[in-house]
Amino acid sequence: MRHFLISALFLSLAAGCSSVNVGPHRIDVQQGNALDQENVARLKPGLSRSQVRFLLGTPLVVDPFRTDRWDYVYMYYEAGRLAEQKRITLFFEGDTLVRMEGDVPAATAAKPSPESAREGLQP
């Protein structure tokens, strides 16, 4: 009888543990440039490269063959799964920001500066 009770107790404990997912612990990971929405909203055509760098930091990707393009990428993995991803691509002519693409607030992306409108540049 005693062995039966111990076996029943063991089986009930094992059945309760079968629903528990046992595996490696996965930490939360942030990669790339943390893009603060307030600073991203301040982006506008006509800013210099140094002003953009002040707002967003050094870009994650700068193509040595296309120095007129800066890519800012942010990814957040929560427990090993991609939870958030943002990307902003900035285009320059010389030292001046002329265009933005990606996860830019709509008012900022669609509103050209007066200088770019006069020069015929697109936002």
PDB file of N, CA and C in Angstrom:
ATOM      1  N   MET A   1       0.821  -1.181   0.000  1.00  0.00           N
ATOM      2  CA  MET A   1       0.000   0.000   0.000  1.00  0.00           C
ATOM      3  C   MET A   1       0.872   1.253   0.000  1.00  0.00           C
ATOM      4  N   ARG A   2       1.943   1.211   0.766  1.00  0.00           N
ATOM      5  CA  ARG A   2       2.835   2.370   0.868  1.00  0.00           C
ATOM      6  C   ARG A   2       3.472   2.669  -0.492  1.00  0.00           C
ATOM      7  N   HIS A   3       3.902   1.641  -1.226  1.00  0.00           N
ATOM      8  CA  HIS A   3       4.501   1.826  -2.547  1.00  0.00           C
ATOM      9  C   HIS A   3       3.485   2.394  -3.535  1.00  0.00           C
ATOM     10  N   PHE A   4       2.240   1.996  -3.368  1.00  0.00           N
ATOM     11  CA  PHE A   4       1.192   2.512  -4.234  1.00  0.00           C
ATOM     12  C   PHE A   4       1.002   4.015  -4.022  1.00  0.00           C
ATOM     13  N   LEU A   5       1.006   4.463  -2.768  1.00  0.00           N
ATOM     14  CA  LEU A   5       0.853   5.889  -2.461  1.00  0.00           C
ATOM     15  C   LEU A   5       2.043   6.701  -2.984  1.00  0.00           C
ATOM     16  N   ILE A   6       3.235   6.169  -2.818  1.00  0.00           N
ATOM     17  CA  ILE A   6       4.432   6.862  -3.311  1.00  0.00           C
ATOM     18  C   ILE A   6       4.392   6.940  -4.833  1.00  0.00           C
ATOM     19  N   SER A   7       3.999   5.851  -5.488  1.00  0.00           N
ATOM     20  CA  SER A   7       3.901   5.841  -6.949  1.00  0.00           C
ATOM     21  C   SER A   7       2.836   6.823  -7.428  1.00  0.00           C
ATOM     22  N   ALA A   8       1.700   6.863  -6.745  1.00  0.00           N
ATOM     23  CA  ALA A   8       0.623   7.785  -7.118  1.00  0.00           C
ATOM     24  C   ALA A   8       1.079   9.234  -6.940  1.00  0.00           C
ATOM     25  N   LEU A   9       1.782   9.514  -5.852  1.00  0.00           N
ATOM     26  CA  LEU A   9       2.301  10.860  -5.597  1.00  0.00           C
ATOM     27  C   LEU A   9       3.316  11.246  -6.670  1.00  0.00           C
ATOM     28  N   PHE A  10       4.207  10.350  -6.996  1.00  0.00           N
ATOM     29  CA  PHE A  10       5.214  10.611  -8.030  1.00  0.00           C
ATOM     30  C   PHE A  10       4.566  10.868  -9.382  1.00  0.00           C
ATOM     31  N   LEU A  11       3.581  10.057  -9.751  1.00  0.00           N
ATOM     32  CA  LEU A  11       2.895  10.228 -11.032  1.00  0.00           C
ATOM     33  C   LEU A  11       2.132  11.549 -11.085  1.00  0.00           C
ATOM     34  N   SER A  12       1.509  11.937 -10.002  1.00  0.00           N
ATOM     35  CA  SER A  12       0.775  13.209 -10.001  1.00  0.00           C
ATOM     36  C   SER A  12       1.740  14.394 -10.099  1.00  0.00           C
ATOM     37  N   LEU A  13       2.890  14.295  -9.456  1.00  0.00           N
ATOM     38  CA  LEU A  13       3.895  15.355  -9.572  1.00  0.00           C
ATOM     39  C   LEU A  13       4.458  15.413 -10.985  1.00  0.00           C
ATOM     40  N   ALA A  14       4.723  14.277 -11.581  1.00  0.00           N
ATOM     41  CA  ALA A  14       5.253  14.229 -12.936  1.00  0.00           C
ATOM     42  C   ALA A  14       4.230  14.770 -13.932  1.00  0.00           C
ATOM     43  N   ALA A  15       2.960  14.485 -13.723  1.00  0.00           N
ATOM     44  CA  ALA A  15       1.915  14.992 -14.623  1.00  0.00           C
ATOM     45  C   ALA A  15       1.823  16.510 -14.514  1.00  0.00           C
ATOM     46  N   GLY A  16       1.977  17.051 -13.338  1.00  0.00           N
ATOM     47  CA  GLY A  16       1.944  18.504 -13.149  1.00  0.00           C
ATOM     48  C   GLY A  16       3.134  19.189 -13.783  1.00  0.00           C
ATOM     49  N   CYS A  17       4.268  18.533 -13.806  1.00  0.00           N
ATOM     50  CA  CYS A  17       5.475  19.118 -14.388  1.00  0.00           C
ATOM     51  C   CYS A  17       5.501  19.019 -15.906  1.00  0.00           C
ATOM     52  N   SER A  18       4.665  18.184 -16.469  1.00  0.00           N
ATOM     53  CA  SER A  18       4.714  18.011 -17.921  1.00  0.00           C
ATOM     54  C   SER A  18       4.235  19.268 -18.653  1.00  0.00           C
ATOM     55  N   SER A  19       3.441  20.108 -18.005  1.00  0.00           N
ATOM     56  CA  SER A  19       2.966  21.330 -18.654  1.00  0.00           C
ATOM     57  C   SER A  19       3.975  22.475 -18.523  1.00  0.00           C
ATOM     58  N   VAL A  20       4.997  22.290 -17.720  1.00  0.00           N
ATOM     59  CA  VAL A  20       6.017  23.324 -17.542  1.00  0.00           C
ATOM     60  C   VAL A  20       7.041  23.189 -18.659  1.00  0.00           C
ATOM     61  N   ASN A  21       7.295  24.286 -19.352  1.00  0.00           N
ATOM     62  CA  ASN A  21       8.272  24.288 -20.441  1.00  0.00           C
ATOM     63  C   ASN A  21       9.667  24.461 -19.849  1.00  0.00           C
ATOM     64  N   VAL A  22      10.454  23.440 -19.947  1.00  0.00           N
ATOM     65  CA  VAL A  22      11.807  23.485 -19.416  1.00  0.00           C
ATOM     66  C   VAL A  22      12.766  23.651 -20.585  1.00  0.00           C
ATOM     67  N   GLY A  23      13.592  24.672 -20.521  1.00  0.00           N
ATOM     68  CA  GLY A  23      14.547  24.934 -21.589  1.00  0.00           C
ATOM     69  C   GLY A  23      15.507  26.024 -21.152  1.00  0.00           C
ATOM     70  N   PRO A  24      16.346  26.463 -22.059  1.00  0.00           N
ATOM     71  CA  PRO A  24      17.307  27.489 -21.682  1.00  0.00           C
ATOM     72  C   PRO A  24      16.620  28.833 -21.453  1.00  0.00           C
ATOM     73  N   HIS A  25      17.170  29.605 -20.544  1.00  0.00           N
ATOM     74  CA  HIS A  25      16.652  30.957 -20.280  1.00  0.00           C
ATOM     75  C   HIS A  25      17.098  31.873 -21.411  1.00  0.00           C
ATOM     76  N   ARG A  26      16.196  32.639 -21.968  1.00  0.00           N
ATOM     77  CA  ARG A  26      16.521  33.568 -23.056  1.00  0.00           C
ATOM     78  C   ARG A  26      16.324  34.984 -22.542  1.00  0.00           C
ATOM     79  N   ILE A  27      17.386  35.769 -22.646  1.00  0.00           N
ATOM     80  CA  ILE A  27      17.344  37.136 -22.136  1.00  0.00           C
ATOM     81  C   ILE A  27      16.784  38.089 -23.185  1.00  0.00           C
ATOM     82  N   ASP A  28      16.351  39.257 -22.727  1.00  0.00           N
ATOM     83  CA  ASP A  28      15.903  40.308 -23.629  1.00  0.00           C
ATOM     84  C   ASP A  28      17.137  41.004 -24.191  1.00  0.00           C
ATOM     85  N   VAL A  29      17.146  41.246 -25.503  1.00  0.00           N
ATOM     86  CA  VAL A  29      18.312  41.826 -26.167  1.00  0.00           C
ATOM     87  C   VAL A  29      17.882  43.015 -27.013  1.00  0.00           C
ATOM     88  N   GLN A  30      18.577  44.153 -26.843  1.00  0.00           N
ATOM     89  CA  GLN A  30      18.386  45.320 -27.693  1.00  0.00           C
ATOM     90  C   GLN A  30      19.601  45.423 -28.600  1.00  0.00           C
ATOM     91  N   GLN A  31      19.362  45.614 -29.900  1.00  0.00           N
ATOM     92  CA  GLN A  31      20.467  45.742 -30.839  1.00  0.00           C
ATOM     93  C   GLN A  31      20.249  46.972 -31.706  1.00  0.00           C
ATOM     94  N   GLY A  32      21.328  47.641 -32.032  1.00  0.00           N
ATOM     95  CA  GLY A  32      21.257  48.776 -32.941  1.00  0.00           C
ATOM     96  C   GLY A  32      21.116  50.091 -32.210  1.00  0.00           C
ATOM     97  N   ASN A  33      20.554  51.069 -32.916  1.00  0.00           N
ATOM     98  CA  ASN A  33      20.370  52.409 -32.389  1.00  0.00           C
ATOM     99  C   ASN A  33      18.996  52.503 -31.723  1.00  0.00           C
ATOM    100  N   ALA A  34      18.981  52.863 -30.435  1.00  0.00           N
ATOM    101  CA  ALA A  34      17.707  53.093 -29.761  1.00  0.00           C
ATOM    102  C   ALA A  34      17.146  54.404 -30.301  1.00  0.00           C
ATOM    103  N   LEU A  35      16.093  54.319 -31.087  1.00  0.00           N
ATOM    104  CA  LEU A  35      15.547  55.489 -31.774  1.00  0.00           C
ATOM    105  C   LEU A  35      14.464  56.137 -30.920  1.00  0.00           C
ATOM    106  N   ASP A  36      14.812  57.224 -30.275  1.00  0.00           N
ATOM    107  CA  ASP A  36      13.888  57.992 -29.453  1.00  0.00           C
ATOM    108  C   ASP A  36      12.916  58.731 -30.372  1.00  0.00           C
ATOM    109  N   GLN A  37      11.619  58.503 -30.219  1.00  0.00           N
ATOM    110  CA  GLN A  37      10.628  59.090 -31.113  1.00  0.00           C
ATOM    111  C   GLN A  37      10.652  60.619 -31.087  1.00  0.00           C
ATOM    112  N   GLU A  38      10.970  61.198 -29.952  1.00  0.00           N
ATOM    113  CA  GLU A  38      11.039  62.664 -29.860  1.00  0.00           C
ATOM    114  C   GLU A  38      12.146  63.210 -30.754  1.00  0.00           C
ATOM    115  N   ASN A  39      13.303  62.558 -30.737  1.00  0.00           N
ATOM    116  CA  ASN A  39      14.414  63.002 -31.582  1.00  0.00           C
ATOM    117  C   ASN A  39      14.163  62.686 -33.055  1.00  0.00           C
ATOM    118  N   VAL A  40      13.515  61.562 -33.334  1.00  0.00           N
ATOM    119  CA  VAL A  40      13.185  61.218 -34.721  1.00  0.00           C
ATOM    120  C   VAL A  40      12.212  62.259 -35.279  1.00  0.00           C
ATOM    121  N   ALA A  41      11.279  62.718 -34.454  1.00  0.00           N
ATOM    122  CA  ALA A  41      10.315  63.724 -34.899  1.00  0.00           C
ATOM    123  C   ALA A  41      10.993  65.060 -35.209  1.00  0.00           C
ATOM    124  N   ARG A  42      12.156  65.314 -34.649  1.00  0.00           N
ATOM    125  CA  ARG A  42      12.897  66.560 -34.910  1.00  0.00           C
ATOM    126  C   ARG A  42      13.655  66.536 -36.234  1.00  0.00           C
ATOM    127  N   LEU A  43      13.758  65.367 -36.849  1.00  0.00           N
ATOM    128  CA  LEU A  43      14.448  65.279 -38.135  1.00  0.00           C
ATOM    129  C   LEU A  43      13.674  66.049 -39.190  1.00  0.00           C
ATOM    130  N   LYS A  44      14.394  66.779 -40.006  1.00  0.00           N
ATOM    131  CA  LYS A  44      13.758  67.472 -41.125  1.00  0.00           C
ATOM    132  C   LYS A  44      14.812  67.739 -42.182  1.00  0.00           C
ATOM    133  N   PRO A  45      14.394  67.792 -43.435  1.00  0.00           N
ATOM    134  CA  PRO A  45      15.347  68.112 -44.491  1.00  0.00           C
ATOM    135  C   PRO A  45      16.002  69.464 -44.218  1.00  0.00           C
ATOM    136  N   GLY A  46      17.291  69.539 -44.531  1.00  0.00           N
ATOM    137  CA  GLY A  46      18.048  70.760 -44.303  1.00  0.00           C
ATOM    138  C   GLY A  46      19.016  70.666 -43.138  1.00  0.00           C
ATOM    139  N   LEU A  47      18.855  69.641 -42.278  1.00  0.00           N
ATOM    140  CA  LEU A  47      19.793  69.466 -41.160  1.00  0.00           C
ATOM    141  C   LEU A  47      21.139  69.002 -41.692  1.00  0.00           C
ATOM    142  N   SER A  48      22.193  69.380 -40.983  1.00  0.00           N
ATOM    143  CA  SER A  48      23.533  68.925 -41.361  1.00  0.00           C
ATOM    144  C   SER A  48      23.772  67.520 -40.792  1.00  0.00           C
ATOM    145  N   ARG A  49      24.819  66.872 -41.274  1.00  0.00           N
ATOM    146  CA  ARG A  49      25.181  65.536 -40.768  1.00  0.00           C
ATOM    147  C   ARG A  49      25.470  65.580 -39.273  1.00  0.00           C
ATOM    148  N   SER A  50      26.132  66.608 -38.810  1.00  0.00           N
ATOM    149  CA  SER A  50      26.455  66.695 -37.381  1.00  0.00           C
ATOM    150  C   SER A  50      25.196  66.903 -36.544  1.00  0.00           C
ATOM    151  N   GLN A  51      24.218  67.636 -37.057  1.00  0.00           N
ATOM    152  CA  GLN A  51      22.958  67.809 -36.330  1.00  0.00           C
ATOM    153  C   GLN A  51      22.195  66.491 -36.252  1.00  0.00           C
ATOM    154  N   VAL A  52      22.197  65.732 -37.335  1.00  0.00           N
ATOM    155  CA  VAL A  52      21.539  64.420 -37.334  1.00  0.00           C
ATOM    156  C   VAL A  52      22.250  63.487 -36.363  1.00  0.00           C
ATOM    157  N   ARG A  53      23.562  63.499 -36.371  1.00  0.00           N
ATOM    158  CA  ARG A  53      24.337  62.648 -35.460  1.00  0.00           C
ATOM    159  C   ARG A  53      24.064  63.030 -34.009  1.00  0.00           C
ATOM    160  N   PHE A  54      23.862  64.329 -33.747  1.00  0.00           N
ATOM    161  CA  PHE A  54      23.533  64.787 -32.394  1.00  0.00           C
ATOM    162  C   PHE A  54      22.176  64.240 -31.961  1.00  0.00           C
ATOM    163  N   LEU A  55      21.197  64.223 -32.870  1.00  0.00           N
ATOM    164  CA  LEU A  55      19.851  63.749 -32.540  1.00  0.00           C
ATOM    165  C   LEU A  55      19.772  62.238 -32.396  1.00  0.00           C
ATOM    166  N   LEU A  56      20.368  61.494 -33.319  1.00  0.00           N
ATOM    167  CA  LEU A  56      20.181  60.036 -33.372  1.00  0.00           C
ATOM    168  C   LEU A  56      21.409  59.220 -33.001  1.00  0.00           C
ATOM    169  N   GLY A  57      22.567  59.860 -32.925  1.00  0.00           N
ATOM    170  CA  GLY A  57      23.790  59.115 -32.666  1.00  0.00           C
ATOM    171  C   GLY A  57      24.430  58.666 -33.966  1.00  0.00           C
ATOM    172  N   THR A  58      25.508  57.934 -33.847  1.00  0.00           N
ATOM    173  CA  THR A  58      26.212  57.428 -35.023  1.00  0.00           C
ATOM    174  C   THR A  58      25.375  56.350 -35.689  1.00  0.00           C
ATOM    175  N   PRO A  59      25.211  56.401 -37.007  1.00  0.00           N
ATOM    176  CA  PRO A  59      24.386  55.382 -37.673  1.00  0.00           C
ATOM    177  C   PRO A  59      24.996  53.996 -37.551  1.00  0.00           C
ATOM    178  N   LEU A  60      24.128  53.000 -37.506  1.00  0.00           N
ATOM    179  CA  LEU A  60      24.580  51.616 -37.392  1.00  0.00           C
ATOM    180  C   LEU A  60      25.285  51.175 -38.669  1.00  0.00           C
ATOM    181  N   VAL A  61      24.764  51.597 -39.816  1.00  0.00           N
ATOM    182  CA  VAL A  61      25.326  51.171 -41.092  1.00  0.00           C
ATOM    183  C   VAL A  61      25.645  52.397 -41.936  1.00  0.00           C
ATOM    184  N   VAL A  62      26.901  52.512 -42.354  1.00  0.00           N
ATOM    185  CA  VAL A  62      27.307  53.528 -43.317  1.00  0.00           C
ATOM    186  C   VAL A  62      28.037  52.784 -44.422  1.00  0.00           C
ATOM    187  N   ASP A  63      27.467  52.791 -45.598  1.00  0.00           N
ATOM    188  CA  ASP A  63      28.045  52.096 -46.750  1.00  0.00           C
ATOM    189  C   ASP A  63      29.225  52.909 -47.266  1.00  0.00           C
ATOM    190  N   PRO A  64      30.422  52.341 -47.309  1.00  0.00           N
ATOM    191  CA  PRO A  64      31.581  53.105 -47.789  1.00  0.00           C
ATOM    192  C   PRO A  64      31.481  53.483 -49.259  1.00  0.00           C
ATOM    193  N   PHE A  65      30.617  52.813 -50.006  1.00  0.00           N
ATOM    194  CA  PHE A  65      30.455  53.120 -51.424  1.00  0.00           C
ATOM    195  C   PHE A  65      29.307  54.098 -51.681  1.00  0.00           C
ATOM    196  N   ARG A  66      28.449  54.289 -50.688  1.00  0.00           N
ATOM    197  CA  ARG A  66      27.341  55.244 -50.801  1.00  0.00           C
ATOM    198  C   ARG A  66      27.305  56.077 -49.532  1.00  0.00           C
ATOM    199  N   THR A  67      28.192  57.044 -49.447  1.00  0.00           N
ATOM    200  CA  THR A  67      28.306  57.852 -48.227  1.00  0.00           C
ATOM    201  C   THR A  67      27.158  58.834 -48.067  1.00  0.00           C
ATOM    202  N   ASP A  68      26.281  58.924 -49.060  1.00  0.00           N
ATOM    203  CA  ASP A  68      25.137  59.824 -48.966  1.00  0.00           C
ATOM    204  C   ASP A  68      23.943  59.168 -48.269  1.00  0.00           C
ATOM    205  N   ARG A  69      24.118  57.947 -47.751  1.00  0.00           N
ATOM    206  CA  ARG A  69      23.027  57.208 -47.113  1.00  0.00           C
ATOM    207  C   ARG A  69      23.474  56.707 -45.744  1.00  0.00           C
ATOM    208  N   TRP A  70      22.631  56.968 -44.732  1.00  0.00           N
ATOM    209  CA  TRP A  70      22.856  56.446 -43.385  1.00  0.00           C
ATOM    210  C   TRP A  70      21.657  55.588 -43.008  1.00  0.00           C
ATOM    211  N   ASP A  71      21.929  54.422 -42.431  1.00  0.00           N
ATOM    212  CA  ASP A  71      20.867  53.530 -41.982  1.00  0.00           C
ATOM    213  C   ASP A  71      20.917  53.380 -40.468  1.00  0.00           C
ATOM    214  N   TYR A  72      19.788  53.649 -39.836  1.00  0.00           N
ATOM    215  CA  TYR A  72      19.623  53.431 -38.399  1.00  0.00           C
ATOM    216  C   TYR A  72      18.666  52.258 -38.235  1.00  0.00           C
ATOM    217  N   VAL A  73      19.095  51.244 -37.503  1.00  0.00           N
ATOM    218  CA  VAL A  73      18.296  50.030 -37.321  1.00  0.00           C
ATOM    219  C   VAL A  73      18.224  49.724 -35.835  1.00  0.00           C
ATOM    220  N   TYR A  74      17.030  49.358 -35.366  1.00  0.00           N
ATOM    221  CA  TYR A  74      16.833  48.973 -33.969  1.00  0.00           C
ATOM    222  C   TYR A  74      16.001  47.701 -33.934  1.00  0.00           C
ATOM    223  N   MET A  75      16.464  46.724 -33.154  1.00  0.00           N
ATOM    224  CA  MET A  75      15.721  45.486 -32.956  1.00  0.00           C
ATOM    225  C   MET A  75      15.701  45.150 -31.474  1.00  0.00           C
ATOM    226  N   TYR A  76      14.551  44.692 -31.010  1.00  0.00           N
ATOM    227  CA  TYR A  76      14.393  44.290 -29.619  1.00  0.00           C
ATOM    228  C   TYR A  76      13.856  42.866 -29.591  1.00  0.00           C
ATOM    229  N   TYR A  77      14.636  41.973 -29.008  1.00  0.00           N
ATOM    230  CA  TYR A  77      14.247  40.575 -28.867  1.00  0.00           C
ATOM    231  C   TYR A  77      13.823  40.339 -27.431  1.00  0.00           C
ATOM    232  N   GLU A  78      12.609  39.843 -27.266  1.00  0.00           N
ATOM    233  CA  GLU A  78      12.094  39.539 -25.942  1.00  0.00           C
ATOM    234  C   GLU A  78      12.021  38.023 -25.805  1.00  0.00           C
ATOM    235  N   ALA A  79      12.808  37.479 -24.904  1.00  0.00           N
ATOM    236  CA  ALA A  79      12.882  36.036 -24.680  1.00  0.00           C
ATOM    237  C   ALA A  79      13.190  35.283 -25.969  1.00  0.00           C
ATOM    238  N   GLY A  80      14.081  35.851 -26.788  1.00  0.00           N
ATOM    239  CA  GLY A  80      14.513  35.179 -28.001  1.00  0.00           C
ATOM    240  C   GLY A  80      13.636  35.403 -29.218  1.00  0.00           C
ATOM    241  N   ARG A  81      12.539  36.143 -29.068  1.00  0.00           N
ATOM    242  CA  ARG A  81      11.630  36.413 -30.196  1.00  0.00           C
ATOM    243  C   ARG A  81      11.642  37.902 -30.522  1.00  0.00           C
ATOM    244  N   LEU A  82      11.627  38.214 -31.802  1.00  0.00           N
ATOM    245  CA  LEU A  82      11.625  39.603 -32.237  1.00  0.00           C
ATOM    246  C   LEU A  82      10.327  40.269 -31.805  1.00  0.00           C
ATOM    247  N   ALA A  83      10.439  41.286 -30.922  1.00  0.00           N
ATOM    248  CA  ALA A  83       9.258  41.974 -30.405  1.00  0.00           C
ATOM    249  C   ALA A  83       9.058  43.336 -31.058  1.00  0.00           C
ATOM    250  N   GLU A  84      10.159  43.974 -31.461  1.00  0.00           N
ATOM    251  CA  GLU A  84      10.056  45.312 -32.046  1.00  0.00           C
ATOM    252  C   GLU A  84      11.210  45.525 -33.015  1.00  0.00           C
ATOM    253  N   GLN A  85      10.908  46.183 -34.128  1.00  0.00           N
ATOM    254  CA  GLN A  85      11.942  46.487 -35.111  1.00  0.00           C
ATOM    255  C   GLN A  85      11.624  47.839 -35.737  1.00  0.00           C
ATOM    256  N   LYS A  86      12.639  48.706 -35.811  1.00  0.00           N
ATOM    257  CA  LYS A  86      12.489  50.025 -36.432  1.00  0.00           C
ATOM    258  C   LYS A  86      13.659  50.240 -37.378  1.00  0.00           C
ATOM    259  N   ARG A  87      13.379  50.956 -38.474  1.00  0.00           N
ATOM    260  CA  ARG A  87      14.427  51.251 -39.445  1.00  0.00           C
ATOM    261  C   ARG A  87      14.193  52.639 -40.007  1.00  0.00           C
ATOM    262  N   ILE A  88      15.264  53.425 -40.062  1.00  0.00           N
ATOM    263  CA  ILE A  88      15.212  54.748 -40.679  1.00  0.00           C
ATOM    264  C   ILE A  88      16.415  54.864 -41.600  1.00  0.00           C
ATOM    265  N   THR A  89      16.159  55.274 -42.833  1.00  0.00           N
ATOM    266  CA  THR A  89      17.220  55.516 -43.799  1.00  0.00           C
ATOM    267  C   THR A  89      17.206  56.990 -44.135  1.00  0.00           C
ATOM    268  N   LEU A  90      18.375  57.621 -44.004  1.00  0.00           N
ATOM    269  CA  LEU A  90      18.512  59.050 -44.277  1.00  0.00           C
ATOM    270  C   LEU A  90      19.393  59.237 -45.499  1.00  0.00           C
ATOM    271  N   PHE A  91      19.014  60.173 -46.353  1.00  0.00           N
ATOM    272  CA  PHE A  91      19.768  60.466 -47.569  1.00  0.00           C
ATOM    273  C   PHE A  91      20.275  61.903 -47.516  1.00  0.00           C
ATOM    274  N   PHE A  92      21.533  62.071 -47.870  1.00  0.00           N
ATOM    275  CA  PHE A  92      22.187  63.381 -47.836  1.00  0.00           C
ATOM    276  C   PHE A  92      22.645  63.775 -49.229  1.00  0.00           C
ATOM    277  N   GLU A  93      22.719  65.070 -49.453  1.00  0.00           N
ATOM    278  CA  GLU A  93      23.415  65.630 -50.603  1.00  0.00           C
ATOM    279  C   GLU A  93      24.480  66.538 -50.014  1.00  0.00           C
ATOM    280  N   GLY A  94      25.724  66.125 -50.157  1.00  0.00           N
ATOM    281  CA  GLY A  94      26.808  66.841 -49.491  1.00  0.00           C
ATOM    282  C   GLY A  94      26.683  66.657 -47.993  1.00  0.00           C
ATOM    283  N   ASP A  95      26.518  67.764 -47.276  1.00  0.00           N
ATOM    284  CA  ASP A  95      26.395  67.721 -45.815  1.00  0.00           C
ATOM    285  C   ASP A  95      24.953  67.930 -45.366  1.00  0.00           C
ATOM    286  N   THR A  96      23.990  67.930 -46.288  1.00  0.00           N
ATOM    287  CA  THR A  96      22.619  68.305 -45.964  1.00  0.00           C
ATOM    288  C   THR A  96      21.663  67.128 -46.120  1.00  0.00           C
ATOM    289  N   LEU A  97      20.818  66.921 -45.100  1.00  0.00           N
ATOM    290  CA  LEU A  97      19.786  65.893 -45.141  1.00  0.00           C
ATOM    291  C   LEU A  97      18.709  66.322 -46.135  1.00  0.00           C
ATOM    292  N   VAL A  98      18.398  65.438 -47.096  1.00  0.00           N
ATOM    293  CA  VAL A  98      17.399  65.784 -48.114  1.00  0.00           C
ATOM    294  C   VAL A  98      16.165  64.881 -48.074  1.00  0.00           C
ATOM    295  N   ARG A  99      16.294  63.650 -47.536  1.00  0.00           N
ATOM    296  CA  ARG A  99      15.168  62.721 -47.593  1.00  0.00           C
ATOM    297  C   ARG A  99      15.276  61.683 -46.497  1.00  0.00           C
ATOM    298  N   MET A 100      14.116  61.209 -46.021  1.00  0.00           N
ATOM    299  CA  MET A 100      14.050  60.189 -44.978  1.00  0.00           C
ATOM    300  C   MET A 100      13.064  59.111 -45.391  1.00  0.00           C
ATOM    301  N   GLU A 101      13.382  57.861 -45.081  1.00  0.00           N
ATOM    302  CA  GLU A 101      12.487  56.734 -45.353  1.00  0.00           C
ATOM    303  C   GLU A 101      12.463  55.825 -44.133  1.00  0.00           C
ATOM    304  N   GLY A 102      11.432  55.008 -44.054  1.00  0.00           N
ATOM    305  CA  GLY A 102      11.350  54.025 -42.985  1.00  0.00           C
ATOM    306  C   GLY A 102      10.337  54.415 -41.941  1.00  0.00           C
ATOM    307  N   ASP A 103      10.639  54.111 -40.679  1.00  0.00           N
ATOM    308  CA  ASP A 103       9.719  54.341 -39.568  1.00  0.00           C
ATOM    309  C   ASP A 103       9.861  55.769 -39.036  1.00  0.00           C
ATOM    310  N   VAL A 104       9.495  56.723 -39.876  1.00  0.00           N
ATOM    311  CA  VAL A 104       9.551  58.138 -39.531  1.00  0.00           C
ATOM    312  C   VAL A 104       8.118  58.601 -39.331  1.00  0.00           C
ATOM    313  N   PRO A 105       7.839  59.420 -38.298  1.00  0.00           N
ATOM    314  CA  PRO A 105       6.474  59.924 -38.135  1.00  0.00           C
ATOM    315  C   PRO A 105       5.980  60.578 -39.425  1.00  0.00           C
ATOM    316  N   ALA A 106       4.715  60.380 -39.768  1.00  0.00           N
ATOM    317  CA  ALA A 106       4.156  60.833 -41.045  1.00  0.00           C
ATOM    318  C   ALA A 106       4.303  62.331 -41.257  1.00  0.00           C
ATOM    319  N   ALA A 107       4.115  63.142 -40.225  1.00  0.00           N
ATOM    320  CA  ALA A 107       4.216  64.594 -40.384  1.00  0.00           C
ATOM    321  C   ALA A 107       5.629  64.998 -40.764  1.00  0.00           C
ATOM    322  N   THR A 108       6.625  64.306 -40.218  1.00  0.00           N
ATOM    323  CA  THR A 108       8.016  64.624 -40.521  1.00  0.00           C
ATOM    324  C   THR A 108       8.379  64.165 -41.925  1.00  0.00           C
ATOM    325  N   ALA A 109       7.946  62.980 -42.301  1.00  0.00           N
ATOM    326  CA  ALA A 109       8.336  62.420 -43.594  1.00  0.00           C
ATOM    327  C   ALA A 109       7.651  63.138 -44.752  1.00  0.00           C
ATOM    328  N   ALA A 110       6.423  63.586 -44.562  1.00  0.00           N
ATOM    329  CA  ALA A 110       5.667  64.148 -45.668  1.00  0.00           C
ATOM    330  C   ALA A 110       5.856  65.653 -45.830  1.00  0.00           C
ATOM    331  N   LYS A 111       6.392  66.321 -44.821  1.00  0.00           N
ATOM    332  CA  LYS A 111       6.478  67.775 -44.847  1.00  0.00           C
ATOM    333  C   LYS A 111       7.859  68.217 -45.307  1.00  0.00           C
ATOM    334  N   PRO A 112       7.991  68.712 -46.548  1.00  0.00           N
ATOM    335  CA  PRO A 112       9.289  69.180 -47.015  1.00  0.00           C
ATOM    336  C   PRO A 112       9.629  70.537 -46.406  1.00  0.00           C
ATOM    337  N   SER A 113      10.909  70.804 -46.271  1.00  0.00           N
ATOM    338  CA  SER A 113      11.328  72.104 -45.769  1.00  0.00           C
ATOM    339  C   SER A 113      11.194  73.131 -46.882  1.00  0.00           C
ATOM    340  N   PRO A 114      11.100  74.419 -46.561  1.00  0.00           N
ATOM    341  CA  PRO A 114      11.000  75.446 -47.602  1.00  0.00           C
ATOM    342  C   PRO A 114      12.209  75.440 -48.537  1.00  0.00           C
ATOM    343  N   GLU A 115      13.392  75.136 -48.011  1.00  0.00           N
ATOM    344  CA  GLU A 115      14.599  75.110 -48.835  1.00  0.00           C
ATOM    345  C   GLU A 115      14.512  74.001 -49.878  1.00  0.00           C
ATOM    346  N   SER A 116      14.050  72.814 -49.465  1.00  0.00           N
ATOM    347  CA  SER A 116      13.990  71.704 -50.402  1.00  0.00           C
ATOM    348  C   SER A 116      12.885  71.919 -51.436  1.00  0.00           C
ATOM    349  N   ALA A 117      11.812  72.601 -51.063  1.00  0.00           N
ATOM    350  CA  ALA A 117      10.735  72.865 -52.013  1.00  0.00           C
ATOM    351  C   ALA A 117      11.221  73.843 -53.103  1.00  0.00           C
ATOM    352  N   ARG A 118      12.010  74.831 -52.692  1.00  0.00           N
ATOM    353  CA  ARG A 118      12.528  75.791 -53.663  1.00  0.00           C
ATOM    354  C   ARG A 118      13.514  75.141 -54.631  1.00  0.00           C
ATOM    355  N   GLU A 119      14.294  74.172 -54.118  1.00  0.00           N
ATOM    356  CA  GLU A 119      15.315  73.528 -54.929  1.00  0.00           C
ATOM    357  C   GLU A 119      14.757  72.355 -55.732  1.00  0.00           C
ATOM    358  N   GLY A 120      13.470  72.039 -55.532  1.00  0.00           N
ATOM    359  CA  GLY A 120      12.871  70.928 -56.257  1.00  0.00           C
ATOM    360  C   GLY A 120      13.227  69.573 -55.707  1.00  0.00           C
ATOM    361  N   LEU A 121      13.668  69.501 -54.438  1.00  0.00           N
ATOM    362  CA  LEU A 121      14.014  68.222 -53.830  1.00  0.00           C
ATOM    363  C   LEU A 121      12.758  67.607 -53.234  1.00  0.00           C
ATOM    364  N   GLN A 122      12.671  66.287 -53.290  1.00  0.00           N
ATOM    365  CA  GLN A 122      11.510  65.599 -52.752  1.00  0.00           C
ATOM    366  C   GLN A 122      11.793  65.210 -51.321  1.00  0.00           C
ATOM    367  N   PRO A 123      10.748  65.175 -50.455  1.00  0.00           N
ATOM    368  CA  PRO A 123      10.950  64.788 -49.056  1.00  0.00           C
ATOM    369  C   PRO A 123      11.274  63.328 -48.908  1.00  0.00           C
TER     370      PRO A 123
END
